[in-house]
C-alpha atoms as a PDB file:
ATOM      1  CA  MET A   1       0.121   0.046   0.052  1.00  0.00           C
ATOM      2  CA  ALA A   2       1.245   3.514  -0.706  1.00  0.00           C
ATOM      3  CA  GLU A   3       0.462   4.815   2.811  1.00  0.00           C
ATOM      4  CA  ARG A   4       1.277   3.101   6.023  1.00  0.00           C
ATOM      5  CA  GLN A   5      -1.378   0.931   7.049  1.00  0.00           C
ATOM      6  CA  LYS A   6      -2.906   2.050  10.241  1.00  0.00           C
ATOM      7  CA  ILE A   7      -5.808  -0.793  10.423  1.00  0.00           C
ATOM      8  CA  ILE A   8      -4.523  -4.196  10.664  1.00  0.00           C
ATOM      9  CA  PRO A   9      -6.779  -7.322  10.531  1.00  0.00           C
ATOM     10  CA  SER A  10      -6.062  -9.758  13.342  1.00  0.00           C
ATOM     11  CA  LEU A  11      -6.673 -13.446  12.921  1.00  0.00           C
ATOM     12  CA  TRP A  12      -7.364 -15.711  15.852  1.00  0.00           C
ATOM     13  CA  PHE A  13      -6.076 -19.326  15.515  1.00  0.00           C
ATOM     14  CA  ASP A  14      -6.117 -22.289  17.790  1.00  0.00           C
ATOM     15  CA  GLN A  15      -2.600 -23.493  17.847  1.00  0.00           C
ATOM     16  CA  GLN A  16      -2.103 -23.158  14.006  1.00  0.00           C
ATOM     17  CA  CYS A  17      -0.930 -19.671  13.765  1.00  0.00           C
ATOM     18  CA  GLU A  18       2.626 -20.284  12.513  1.00  0.00           C
ATOM     19  CA  GLU A  19       1.253 -22.764  10.015  1.00  0.00           C
ATOM     20  CA  ALA A  20      -1.159 -20.754   8.839  1.00  0.00           C
ATOM     21  CA  MET A  21       1.134 -17.612   8.307  1.00  0.00           C
ATOM     22  CA  ASN A  22       3.584 -19.803   6.385  1.00  0.00           C
ATOM     23  CA  PHE A  23       0.750 -21.233   4.014  1.00  0.00           C
ATOM     24  CA  TYR A  24      -0.714 -17.763   3.368  1.00  0.00           C
ATOM     25  CA  VAL A  25       2.699 -16.135   2.582  1.00  0.00           C
ATOM     26  CA  SER A  26       3.698 -19.110   0.113  1.00  0.00           C
ATOM     27  CA  ALA A  27       0.295 -19.109  -1.511  1.00  0.00           C
ATOM     28  CA  PHE A  28      -0.106 -15.488  -2.227  1.00  0.00           C
ATOM     29  CA  SER A  29       3.391 -14.685  -3.304  1.00  0.00           C
ATOM     30  CA  GLY A  30       3.239 -12.843  -6.710  1.00  0.00           C
ATOM     31  CA  LEU A  31      -0.344 -13.398  -7.360  1.00  0.00           C
ATOM     32  CA  SER A  32      -2.083  -9.884  -7.421  1.00  0.00           C
ATOM     33  CA  GLY A  33       0.242  -8.416 -10.507  1.00  0.00           C
ATOM     34  CA  SER A  34       1.851  -6.132  -8.183  1.00  0.00           C
ATOM     35  CA  LYS A  35       5.455  -5.667  -7.011  1.00  0.00           C
ATOM     36  CA  GLN A  36       4.591  -6.018  -3.521  1.00  0.00           C
ATOM     37  CA  LYS A  37       5.945  -8.884  -1.429  1.00  0.00           C
ATOM     38  CA  SER A  38       4.456 -11.379   0.741  1.00  0.00           C
ATOM     39  CA  GLY A  39       6.526 -12.398   3.951  1.00  0.00           C
ATOM     40  CA  ILE A  40       6.501 -12.861   7.733  1.00  0.00           C
ATOM     41  CA  ILE A  41       7.651  -9.502   9.293  1.00  0.00           C
ATOM     42  CA  SER A  42       7.832 -10.451  13.106  1.00  0.00           C
ATOM     43  CA  ILE A  43       6.853 -13.138  15.511  1.00  0.00           C
ATOM     44  CA  GLN A  44       6.416 -12.516  19.433  1.00  0.00           C
ATOM     45  CA  ARG A  45       5.885 -15.739  21.270  1.00  0.00           C
ATOM     46  CA  TYR A  46       4.294 -16.280  24.660  1.00  0.00           C
ATOM     47  CA  GLU A  47       6.988 -16.580  27.313  1.00  0.00           C
ATOM     48  CA  LYS A  48       7.265 -18.093  30.918  1.00  0.00           C
ATOM     49  CA  GLY A  49       6.302 -15.672  33.461  1.00  0.00           C
ATOM     50  CA  MET A  50       3.324 -13.821  31.845  1.00  0.00           C
ATOM     51  CA  GLU A  51       1.008 -13.418  34.767  1.00  0.00           C
ATOM     52  CA  THR A  52      -2.494 -14.448  33.378  1.00  0.00           C
ATOM     53  CA  PRO A  53      -4.103 -17.658  34.412  1.00  0.00           C
ATOM     54  CA  GLY A  54      -3.768 -20.720  31.997  1.00  0.00           C
ATOM     55  CA  ILE A  55      -1.397 -18.780  29.844  1.00  0.00           C
ATOM     56  CA  GLU A  56       1.637 -20.972  30.963  1.00  0.00           C
ATOM     57  CA  GLN A  57       0.470 -23.690  28.525  1.00  0.00           C
ATOM     58  CA  MET A  58       0.916 -21.325  25.560  1.00  0.00           C
ATOM     59  CA  THR A  59       4.592 -20.877  26.317  1.00  0.00           C
ATOM     60  CA  GLY A  60       6.309 -20.985  22.787  1.00  0.00           C
ATOM     61  CA  LYS A  61       3.223 -20.322  20.853  1.00  0.00           C
ATOM     62  CA  ILE A  62       2.590 -16.940  18.868  1.00  0.00           C
ATOM     63  CA  LEU A  63       1.455 -14.023  21.073  1.00  0.00           C
ATOM     64  CA  THR A  64       1.655 -11.726  17.914  1.00  0.00           C
ATOM     65  CA  GLY A  65       2.807 -12.542  14.577  1.00  0.00           C
ATOM     66  CA  ILE A  66       2.839  -9.781  11.666  1.00  0.00           C
ATOM     67  CA  PHE A  67       2.811 -10.944   8.146  1.00  0.00           C
ATOM     68  CA  GLU A  68       2.167  -9.292   4.674  1.00  0.00           C
ATOM     69  CA  LEU A  69       0.224 -10.528   1.648  1.00  0.00           C
ATOM     70  CA  GLU A  70       1.158  -8.715  -1.439  1.00  0.00           C
ATOM     71  CA  GLY A  71       1.952  -5.705   0.714  1.00  0.00           C
ATOM     72  CA  PHE A  72      -1.340  -5.933   2.745  1.00  0.00           C
ATOM     73  CA  ARG A  73      -0.494  -6.454   6.554  1.00  0.00           C
ATOM     74  CA  PHE A  74      -2.115  -8.701   8.846  1.00  0.00           C
ATOM     75  CA  MET A  75      -1.573  -9.855  12.572  1.00  0.00           C
ATOM     76  CA  ALA A  76      -2.193 -13.374  13.833  1.00  0.00           C
ATOM     77  CA  LEU A  77      -1.976 -14.900  17.272  1.00  0.00           C
ATOM     78  CA  ASP A  78      -2.588 -18.415  18.937  1.00  0.00           C
ATOM     79  CA  GLY A  79      -5.378 -17.938  21.151  1.00  0.00           C
ATOM     80  CA  GLY A  80      -6.882 -21.309  21.844  1.00  0.00           C
ATOM     81  CA  PRO A  81     -10.367 -22.598  21.127  1.00  0.00           C
ATOM     82  CA  ILE A  82     -12.445 -19.944  22.604  1.00  0.00           C
ATOM     83  CA  PHE A  83     -13.163 -18.196  19.315  1.00  0.00           C
ATOM     84  CA  LYS A  84     -13.773 -19.582  16.018  1.00  0.00           C
ATOM     85  CA  LEU A  85     -13.202 -17.929  12.584  1.00  0.00           C
ATOM     86  CA  ASN A  86     -16.338 -17.679  10.494  1.00  0.00           C
ATOM     87  CA  PRO A  87     -17.426 -15.873   7.196  1.00  0.00           C
ATOM     88  CA  ALA A  88     -18.953 -12.832   9.068  1.00  0.00           C
ATOM     89  CA  ILE A  89     -15.404 -11.204   8.176  1.00  0.00           C
ATOM     90  CA  SER A  90     -13.787 -12.273   5.035  1.00  0.00           C
ATOM     91  CA  PHE A  91     -11.415 -10.721   2.650  1.00  0.00           C
ATOM     92  CA  PHE A  92     -12.165  -9.838  -1.184  1.00  0.00           C
ATOM     93  CA  LEU A  93      -9.272 -10.564  -3.316  1.00  0.00           C
ATOM     94  CA  ASN A  94      -9.580  -8.195  -6.423  1.00  0.00           C
ATOM     95  CA  PHE A  95      -7.837  -9.613  -9.437  1.00  0.00           C
ATOM     96  CA  ASP A  96      -7.806  -6.760 -11.706  1.00  0.00           C
ATOM     97  CA  PRO A  97      -7.040  -7.422 -15.700  1.00  0.00           C
ATOM     98  CA  ALA A  98      -6.085  -3.590 -15.644  1.00  0.00           C
ATOM     99  CA  ARG A  99      -3.300  -4.239 -13.355  1.00  0.00           C
ATOM    100  CA  ASP A 100      -2.574  -7.787 -14.169  1.00  0.00           C
ATOM    101  CA  THR A 101      -2.775  -9.584 -17.500  1.00  0.00           C
ATOM    102  CA  ASP A 102      -2.698 -12.882 -15.950  1.00  0.00           C
ATOM    103  CA  ALA A 103      -5.347 -11.843 -13.512  1.00  0.00           C
ATOM    104  CA  ARG A 104      -7.781 -14.827 -14.484  1.00  0.00           C
ATOM    105  CA  LYS A 105      -4.805 -17.325 -14.270  1.00  0.00           C
ATOM    106  CA  HIS A 106      -3.813 -16.003 -11.067  1.00  0.00           C
ATOM    107  CA  LEU A 107      -7.344 -16.246  -9.366  1.00  0.00           C
ATOM    108  CA  ASP A 108      -7.579 -19.974 -10.576  1.00  0.00           C
ATOM    109  CA  ALA A 109      -4.149 -20.738  -8.998  1.00  0.00           C
ATOM    110  CA  LEU A 110      -4.884 -19.167  -5.638  1.00  0.00           C
ATOM    111  CA  TRP A 111      -8.444 -20.517  -5.625  1.00  0.00           C
ATOM    112  CA  GLU A 112      -7.037 -24.063  -5.730  1.00  0.00           C
ATOM    113  CA  LYS A 113      -4.699 -23.589  -2.909  1.00  0.00           C
ATOM    114  CA  LEU A 114      -7.263 -22.034  -0.534  1.00  0.00           C
ATOM    115  CA  ALA A 115     -10.051 -24.580  -1.548  1.00  0.00           C
ATOM    116  CA  GLU A 116      -7.749 -27.481  -0.735  1.00  0.00           C
ATOM    117  CA  SER A 117      -9.222 -29.161   2.334  1.00  0.00           C
ATOM    118  CA  GLY A 118     -11.314 -25.895   2.847  1.00  0.00           C
ATOM    119  CA  GLN A 119     -15.175 -25.299   2.436  1.00  0.00           C
ATOM    120  CA  ILE A 120     -16.625 -23.860  -0.785  1.00  0.00           C
ATOM    121  CA  LEU A 121     -19.306 -21.069   0.348  1.00  0.00           C
ATOM    122  CA  MET A 122     -20.029 -19.888  -3.367  1.00  0.00           C
ATOM    123  CA  GLU A 123     -18.747 -21.819  -6.348  1.00  0.00           C
ATOM    124  CA  LYS A 124     -16.049 -20.367  -8.414  1.00  0.00           C
ATOM    125  CA  GLN A 125     -18.019 -19.286 -11.586  1.00  0.00           C
ATOM    126  CA  LYS A 126     -19.441 -16.575 -13.767  1.00  0.00           C
ATOM    127  CA  TYR A 127     -22.080 -14.238 -11.919  1.00  0.00           C
ATOM    128  CA  PRO A 128     -24.161 -11.176 -12.916  1.00  0.00           C
ATOM    129  CA  PHE A 129     -21.587  -9.032 -11.263  1.00  0.00           C
ATOM    130  CA  SER A 130     -18.434 -10.639 -12.243  1.00  0.00           C
ATOM    131  CA  GLU A 131     -16.960 -12.876 -15.124  1.00  0.00           C
ATOM    132  CA  GLN A 132     -15.349 -14.948 -12.262  1.00  0.00           C
ATOM    133  CA  TYR A 133     -16.028 -15.149  -8.667  1.00  0.00           C
ATOM    134  CA  GLY A 134     -15.849 -17.496  -5.871  1.00  0.00           C
ATOM    135  CA  TRP A 135     -16.281 -17.618  -1.966  1.00  0.00           C
ATOM    136  CA  VAL A 136     -14.149 -20.147   0.016  1.00  0.00           C
ATOM    137  CA  GLN A 137     -13.196 -20.710   3.583  1.00  0.00           C
ATOM    138  CA  ASP A 138      -9.657 -21.997   3.668  1.00  0.00           C
ATOM    139  CA  ARG A 139      -8.409 -25.109   5.929  1.00  0.00           C
ATOM    140  CA  PHE A 140      -7.625 -22.613   8.761  1.00  0.00           C
ATOM    141  CA  GLY A 141     -11.067 -21.091   8.824  1.00  0.00           C
ATOM    142  CA  VAL A 142     -10.443 -17.793   7.144  1.00  0.00           C
ATOM    143  CA  SER A 143     -12.803 -16.679   4.233  1.00  0.00           C
ATOM    144  CA  TRP A 144     -11.659 -15.251   0.936  1.00  0.00           C
ATOM    145  CA  GLN A 145     -13.931 -13.841  -1.867  1.00  0.00           C
ATOM    146  CA  LEU A 146     -11.748 -14.068  -5.053  1.00  0.00           C
ATOM    147  CA  ILE A 147     -13.257 -11.728  -7.952  1.00  0.00           C
ATOM    148  CA  LEU A 148     -12.173 -11.009 -11.363  1.00  0.00           C
ATOM    149  CA  THR A 149     -12.665  -7.157 -11.229  1.00  0.00           C
ATOM    150  CA  ASP A 150     -14.099  -4.911 -14.117  1.00  0.00           C
ATOM    151  CA  PRO A 151     -11.084  -3.465 -15.630  1.00  0.00           C
ATOM    152  CA  LEU A 152     -13.211  -0.322 -16.391  1.00  0.00           C
ATOM    153  CA  GLY A 153     -14.384   0.130 -13.053  1.00  0.00           C
ATOM    154  CA  GLU A 154     -12.758   2.415 -10.253  1.00  0.00           C
ATOM    155  CA  PRO A 155      -9.708   0.493  -8.876  1.00  0.00           C
ATOM    156  CA  ARG A 156      -9.694  -0.959  -5.456  1.00  0.00           C
ATOM    157  CA  PRO A 157      -6.738  -2.493  -3.612  1.00  0.00           C
ATOM    158  CA  PHE A 158      -6.064  -6.215  -3.952  1.00  0.00           C
ATOM    159  CA  ILE A 159      -7.181  -7.192  -0.550  1.00  0.00           C
ATOM    160  CA  VAL A 160     -10.320  -5.606   0.963  1.00  0.00           C
ATOM    161  CA  PRO A 161     -11.802  -6.862   4.361  1.00  0.00           C
ATOM    162  CA  SER A 162     -15.613  -7.503   4.125  1.00  0.00           C
ATOM    163  CA  LEU A 163     -18.254  -7.414   6.788  1.00  0.00           C
ATOM    164  CA  LEU A 164     -21.374  -9.382   6.622  1.00  0.00           C
ATOM    165  CA  PHE A 165     -24.102  -7.981   8.868  1.00  0.00           C
ATOM    166  CA  VAL A 166     -26.416 -11.077   9.649  1.00  0.00           C
ATOM    167  CA  GLY A 167     -28.539 -12.202  12.513  1.00  0.00           C
ATOM    168  CA  ALA A 168     -29.310  -9.439  15.221  1.00  0.00           C
ATOM    169  CA  VAL A 169     -27.511  -6.641  13.128  1.00  0.00           C
ATOM    170  CA  ALA A 170     -28.893  -7.772   9.513  1.00  0.00           C
ATOM    171  CA  GLY A 171     -29.904  -4.435   7.874  1.00  0.00           C
ATOM    172  CA  ARG A 172     -27.439  -2.346   9.734  1.00  0.00           C
ATOM    173  CA  ALA A 173     -24.459  -2.157   7.331  1.00  0.00           C
ATOM    174  CA  GLU A 174     -25.210   1.331   5.905  1.00  0.00           C
ATOM    175  CA  GLU A 175     -25.702   2.573   9.557  1.00  0.00           C
ATOM    176  CA  ALA A 176     -22.410   0.947  10.486  1.00  0.00           C
ATOM    177  CA  ALA A 177     -20.266   2.307   7.719  1.00  0.00           C
ATOM    178  CA  GLU A 178     -21.881   5.926   8.509  1.00  0.00           C
ATOM    179  CA  LEU A 179     -20.539   5.365  11.947  1.00  0.00           C
ATOM    180  CA  TYR A 180     -17.038   4.371  10.916  1.00  0.00           C
ATOM    181  CA  LEU A 181     -16.855   7.075   8.421  1.00  0.00           C
ATOM    182  CA  SER A 182     -17.626   9.605  11.213  1.00  0.00           C
ATOM    183  CA  ILE A 183     -15.057   8.296  13.485  1.00  0.00           C
ATOM    184  CA  PHE A 184     -11.989   7.649  11.600  1.00  0.00           C
ATOM    185  CA  ASN A 185      -9.910  10.080   9.368  1.00  0.00           C
ATOM    186  CA  ASN A 186      -9.209  10.061   5.548  1.00  0.00           C
ATOM    187  CA  ALA A 187     -12.729   8.592   5.098  1.00  0.00           C
ATOM    188  CA  LYS A 188     -14.626   8.359   1.894  1.00  0.00           C
ATOM    189  CA  LYS A 189     -18.004   6.729   0.672  1.00  0.00           C
ATOM    190  CA  GLY A 190     -17.722   4.291  -2.160  1.00  0.00           C
ATOM    191  CA  ALA A 191     -20.113   2.149  -3.871  1.00  0.00           C
ATOM    192  CA  LEU A 192     -23.575   1.310  -2.578  1.00  0.00           C
ATOM    193  CA  SER A 193     -26.290  -1.213  -3.842  1.00  0.00           C
ATOM    194  CA  ARG A 194     -29.367  -1.876  -2.178  1.00  0.00           C
ATOM    195  CA  TYR A 195     -31.711  -4.826  -2.312  1.00  0.00           C
ATOM    196  CA  PRO A 196     -34.778  -4.350  -4.588  1.00  0.00           C
ATOM    197  CA  ALA A 197     -38.069  -5.550  -3.609  1.00  0.00           C
ATOM    198  CA  GLY A 198     -38.839  -9.233  -3.994  1.00  0.00           C
ATOM    199  CA  MET A 199     -35.623 -10.688  -2.397  1.00  0.00           C
ATOM    200  CA  SER A 200     -37.043 -11.932   0.932  1.00  0.00           C
ATOM    201  CA  PRO A 201     -35.680 -12.433   3.562  1.00  0.00           C
ATOM    202  CA  ASN A 202     -33.619  -9.447   2.699  1.00  0.00           C
ATOM    203  CA  ARG A 203     -35.522  -6.008   3.290  1.00  0.00           C
ATOM    204  CA  GLU A 204     -35.907  -3.695   0.259  1.00  0.00           C
ATOM    205  CA  GLY A 205     -33.354  -0.885   0.648  1.00  0.00           C
ATOM    206  CA  SER A 206     -30.968  -2.779   2.726  1.00  0.00           C
ATOM    207  CA  THR A 207     -27.325  -2.989   1.702  1.00  0.00           C
ATOM    208  CA  MET A 208     -26.474  -5.728  -0.827  1.00  0.00           C
ATOM    209  CA  PHE A 209     -23.191  -4.389  -1.273  1.00  0.00           C
ATOM    210  CA  SER A 210     -21.260  -1.374  -0.234  1.00  0.00           C
ATOM    211  CA  ASP A 211     -17.583  -0.224   0.183  1.00  0.00           C
ATOM    212  CA  PHE A 212     -16.024   2.683   2.053  1.00  0.00           C
ATOM    213  CA  ARG A 213     -12.565   4.127   3.082  1.00  0.00           C
ATOM    214  CA  ILE A 214     -11.296   4.907   6.535  1.00  0.00           C
ATOM    215  CA  GLU A 215      -7.851   5.810   7.367  1.00  0.00           C
ATOM    216  CA  SER A 216      -7.111   5.542   3.548  1.00  0.00           C
ATOM    217  CA  GLN A 217      -7.966   1.912   3.758  1.00  0.00           C
ATOM    218  CA  TRP A 218     -11.047   0.209   1.834  1.00  0.00           C
ATOM    219  CA  PHE A 219     -13.501  -1.949   3.546  1.00  0.00           C
ATOM    220  CA  ALA A 220     -16.682  -3.730   2.231  1.00  0.00           C
ATOM    221  CA  ALA A 221     -20.115  -4.116   4.024  1.00  0.00           C
ATOM    222  CA  MET A 222     -23.140  -6.257   3.037  1.00  0.00           C
ATOM    223  CA  ASP A 223     -26.424  -7.186   4.893  1.00  0.00           C
ATOM    224  CA  SER A 224     -27.952 -10.783   4.710  1.00  0.00           C
ATOM    225  CA  ALA A 225     -31.108 -11.754   6.534  1.00  0.00           C
ATOM    226  CA  TYR A 226     -30.623 -15.245   5.871  1.00  0.00           C
ATOM    227  CA  LYS A 227     -29.981 -17.584   8.827  1.00  0.00           C
ATOM    228  CA  HIS A 228     -26.267 -18.303   8.739  1.00  0.00           C
ATOM    229  CA  GLY A 229     -25.390 -19.654  12.124  1.00  0.00           C
ATOM    230  CA  PHE A 230     -22.439 -17.377  12.741  1.00  0.00           C
ATOM    231  CA  ALA A 231     -21.861 -13.765  13.682  1.00  0.00           C
ATOM    232  CA  PHE A 232     -18.935 -11.413  14.405  1.00  0.00           C
ATOM    233  CA  ASN A 233     -16.785 -12.282  17.076  1.00  0.00           C
ATOM    234  CA  GLU A 234     -13.175 -11.887  18.280  1.00  0.00           C
ATOM    235  CA  ALA A 235     -11.641 -14.473  15.833  1.00  0.00           C
ATOM    236  CA  ILE A 236     -11.230 -11.592  13.479  1.00  0.00           C
ATOM    237  CA  SER A 237     -10.650  -8.044  14.924  1.00  0.00           C
ATOM    238  CA  PHE A 238      -9.169  -4.812  13.639  1.00  0.00           C
ATOM    239  CA  LEU A 239      -6.143  -3.509  15.264  1.00  0.00           C
ATOM    240  CA  VAL A 240      -5.774   0.457  15.249  1.00  0.00           C
ATOM    241  CA  ASN A 241      -2.407   1.803  15.770  1.00  0.00           C
ATOM    242  CA  CYS A 242      -2.766   4.989  17.672  1.00  0.00           C
ATOM    243  CA  ALA A 243      -0.151   8.016  17.498  1.00  0.00           C
ATOM    244  CA  ASN A 244      -0.843   9.043  21.052  1.00  0.00           C
ATOM    245  CA  GLN A 245      -3.139   8.557  24.207  1.00  0.00           C
ATOM    246  CA  LYS A 246      -5.429  11.334  22.787  1.00  0.00           C
ATOM    247  CA  GLU A 247      -6.264   9.595  19.781  1.00  0.00           C
ATOM    248  CA  LEU A 248      -6.388   6.177  21.564  1.00  0.00           C
ATOM    249  CA  ASP A 249      -8.922   7.761  24.176  1.00  0.00           C
ATOM    250  CA  ARG A 250     -11.123   9.183  21.464  1.00  0.00           C
ATOM    251  CA  LEU A 251     -11.426   5.883  19.562  1.00  0.00           C
ATOM    252  CA  TRP A 252     -12.058   3.866  22.792  1.00  0.00           C
ATOM    253  CA  GLU A 253     -14.789   6.340  23.821  1.00  0.00           C
ATOM    254  CA  LYS A 254     -16.584   6.348  20.266  1.00  0.00           C
ATOM    255  CA  LEU A 255     -16.253   2.596  19.513  1.00  0.00           C
ATOM    256  CA  SER A 256     -16.758   0.649  22.810  1.00  0.00           C
ATOM    257  CA  PHE A 257     -20.194  -0.535  23.352  1.00  0.00           C
ATOM    258  CA  SER A 258     -19.883  -3.405  25.674  1.00  0.00           C
ATOM    259  CA  PRO A 259     -17.967  -2.866  28.789  1.00  0.00           C
ATOM    260  CA  GLU A 260     -17.578  -6.531  29.786  1.00  0.00           C
ATOM    261  CA  HIS A 261     -15.651  -7.190  26.522  1.00  0.00           C
ATOM    262  CA  GLU A 262     -12.846  -4.643  27.298  1.00  0.00           C
ATOM    263  CA  GLN A 263      -9.701  -6.298  27.910  1.00  0.00           C
ATOM    264  CA  CYS A 264      -5.966  -5.905  27.176  1.00  0.00           C
ATOM    265  CA  GLY A 265      -6.957  -3.084  24.578  1.00  0.00           C
ATOM    266  CA  TRP A 266      -9.912  -5.099  22.838  1.00  0.00           C
ATOM    267  CA  LEU A 267     -13.330  -3.722  22.675  1.00  0.00           C
ATOM    268  CA  LYS A 268     -16.501  -4.579  20.947  1.00  0.00           C
ATOM    269  CA  ASP A 269     -18.705  -1.919  18.973  1.00  0.00           C
ATOM    270  CA  ARG A 270     -22.442  -1.733  18.879  1.00  0.00           C
ATOM    271  CA  TYR A 271     -22.532  -4.225  16.028  1.00  0.00           C
ATOM    272  CA  GLY A 272     -20.288  -6.783  17.608  1.00  0.00           C
ATOM    273  CA  VAL A 273     -17.146  -6.136  15.645  1.00  0.00           C
ATOM    274  CA  SER A 274     -13.988  -6.494  17.679  1.00  0.00           C
ATOM    275  CA  TRP A 275     -11.326  -3.863  17.716  1.00  0.00           C
ATOM    276  CA  GLN A 276      -7.957  -3.556  19.227  1.00  0.00           C
ATOM    277  CA  ILE A 277      -7.063   0.056  20.032  1.00  0.00           C
ATOM    278  CA  VAL A 278      -3.424   0.298  20.791  1.00  0.00           C
ATOM    279  CA  PRO A 279      -0.561   2.808  20.784  1.00  0.00           C
ATOM    280  CA  GLU A 280       2.191   2.622  18.075  1.00  0.00           C
ATOM    281  CA  ARG A 281       4.676   2.509  20.895  1.00  0.00           C
ATOM    282  CA  LEU A 282       3.410  -0.921  22.165  1.00  0.00           C
ATOM    283  CA  GLY A 283       4.930  -2.589  19.169  1.00  0.00           C
ATOM    284  CA  GLU A 284       8.442  -1.042  19.974  1.00  0.00           C
ATOM    285  CA  LEU A 285       8.317  -1.810  23.462  1.00  0.00           C
ATOM    286  CA  LEU A 286       7.255  -5.649  22.818  1.00  0.00           C
ATOM    287  CA  SER A 287      10.103  -5.758  20.332  1.00  0.00           C
ATOM    288  CA  ASP A 288      12.842  -4.708  22.651  1.00  0.00           C
ATOM    289  CA  PRO A 289      15.754  -7.286  22.790  1.00  0.00           C
ATOM    290  CA  ASP A 290      15.521  -7.292  26.638  1.00  0.00           C
ATOM    291  CA  GLU A 291      13.260  -9.955  27.269  1.00  0.00           C
ATOM    292  CA  GLU A 292      12.848  -9.039  31.146  1.00  0.00           C
ATOM    293  CA  LYS A 293      11.469  -5.608  29.811  1.00  0.00           C
ATOM    294  CA  VAL A 294       9.280  -7.063  27.409  1.00  0.00           C
ATOM    295  CA  LEU A 295       7.923  -9.355  29.984  1.00  0.00           C
ATOM    296  CA  LYS A 296       7.144  -6.473  32.401  1.00  0.00           C
ATOM    297  CA  VAL A 297       5.347  -4.553  29.575  1.00  0.00           C
ATOM    298  CA  ALA A 298       3.430  -7.723  28.521  1.00  0.00           C
ATOM    299  CA  ASN A 299       2.136  -8.207  31.996  1.00  0.00           C
ATOM    300  CA  ALA A 300       1.238  -4.684  32.441  1.00  0.00           C
ATOM    301  CA  MET A 301      -0.713  -4.826  29.286  1.00  0.00           C
ATOM    302  CA  LEU A 302      -2.571  -8.027  30.275  1.00  0.00           C
ATOM    303  CA  LYS A 303      -3.898  -6.202  33.342  1.00  0.00           C
ATOM    304  CA  MET A 304      -5.219  -3.285  31.612  1.00  0.00           C
ATOM    305  CA  LYS A 305      -8.761  -2.745  29.862  1.00  0.00           C
ATOM    306  CA  LYS A 306      -8.090   0.304  27.873  1.00  0.00           C
ATOM    307  CA  LEU A 307      -4.090   0.757  27.378  1.00  0.00           C
ATOM    308  CA  VAL A 308      -2.508   3.585  29.239  1.00  0.00           C
ATOM    309  CA  ILE A 309       0.633   4.477  27.288  1.00  0.00           C
ATOM    310  CA  ALA A 310       2.251   6.075  30.442  1.00  0.00           C
ATOM    311  CA  ASP A 311       1.632   3.057  32.497  1.00  0.00           C
ATOM    312  CA  LEU A 312       3.301   0.779  29.605  1.00  0.00           C
ATOM    313  CA  GLU A 313       6.302   3.122  29.636  1.00  0.00           C
ATOM    314  CA  ALA A 314       6.586   2.929  33.481  1.00  0.00           C
ATOM    315  CA  ALA A 315       6.471  -0.932  33.394  1.00  0.00           C
ATOM    316  CA  TYR A 316       9.375  -0.945  30.791  1.00  0.00           C
ATOM    317  CA  ARG A 317      11.370   1.354  32.900  1.00  0.00           C
ATOM    318  CA  GLU A 318      11.213  -0.777  36.084  1.00  0.00           C
END
């Protein structure tokens, strides 16, 4: 991406984080037609001495892993079996013939890798909205929507996170987009297609597809009133890197809707979407070569709800 990525999707795995990251880096390399690279950036592991009940059994597993797919950054972690990945949040992969003359070939190649031992949610084929599209949940549980985009349309990035509003929040995709546009900077409305009459159970006028840009990053949002058996949860969250405490406090106040879910910088908004509101400084503190200092910072963080930069710095200096 041309600008620094401020909002980073975070993927929660049950003991498979490192295997998943290696798979994605291998599968995605060179498939978007861009000159961006894929690779693992950093790994921070659970260490002995972290002061949270039950965390000792995670020693050696991944506390935070940062990796990039064609220049788009993700975070991943080993969190155990508490939360399960599901298609409520997926990722559009835009294969654009205007950007890549082998877009169809690359789409087919990546589809085969992601579909192996995975689950097909929508068959890869021609649809009214695309010459080639398919929706797949891979072997690790992450969902991807691969689409051959219209080369004459307005360009979008290769990877775009997509939110599917179902169950209790079905019909609120447009409302949610408006909230996010009002909270974050460098925001812009994109496309909006509404359901017409006669598409029950989807309500006429609700969002069939939309996209919007916040912090210079594109997101998609859709409503679906069908019974899906899943909803937003912590298995995919969005980490927001804040420049200072003032920005962190503002986002925390605007987004947090469920005090009982506030923990270690995590919160849930009114739609059930999970966010991690963290200071940019935290990554620097946790990557310090002094393991004792890192452990002190980690233990301080694990005891907080909203993160306080001054307290993290104090733990680092102890």
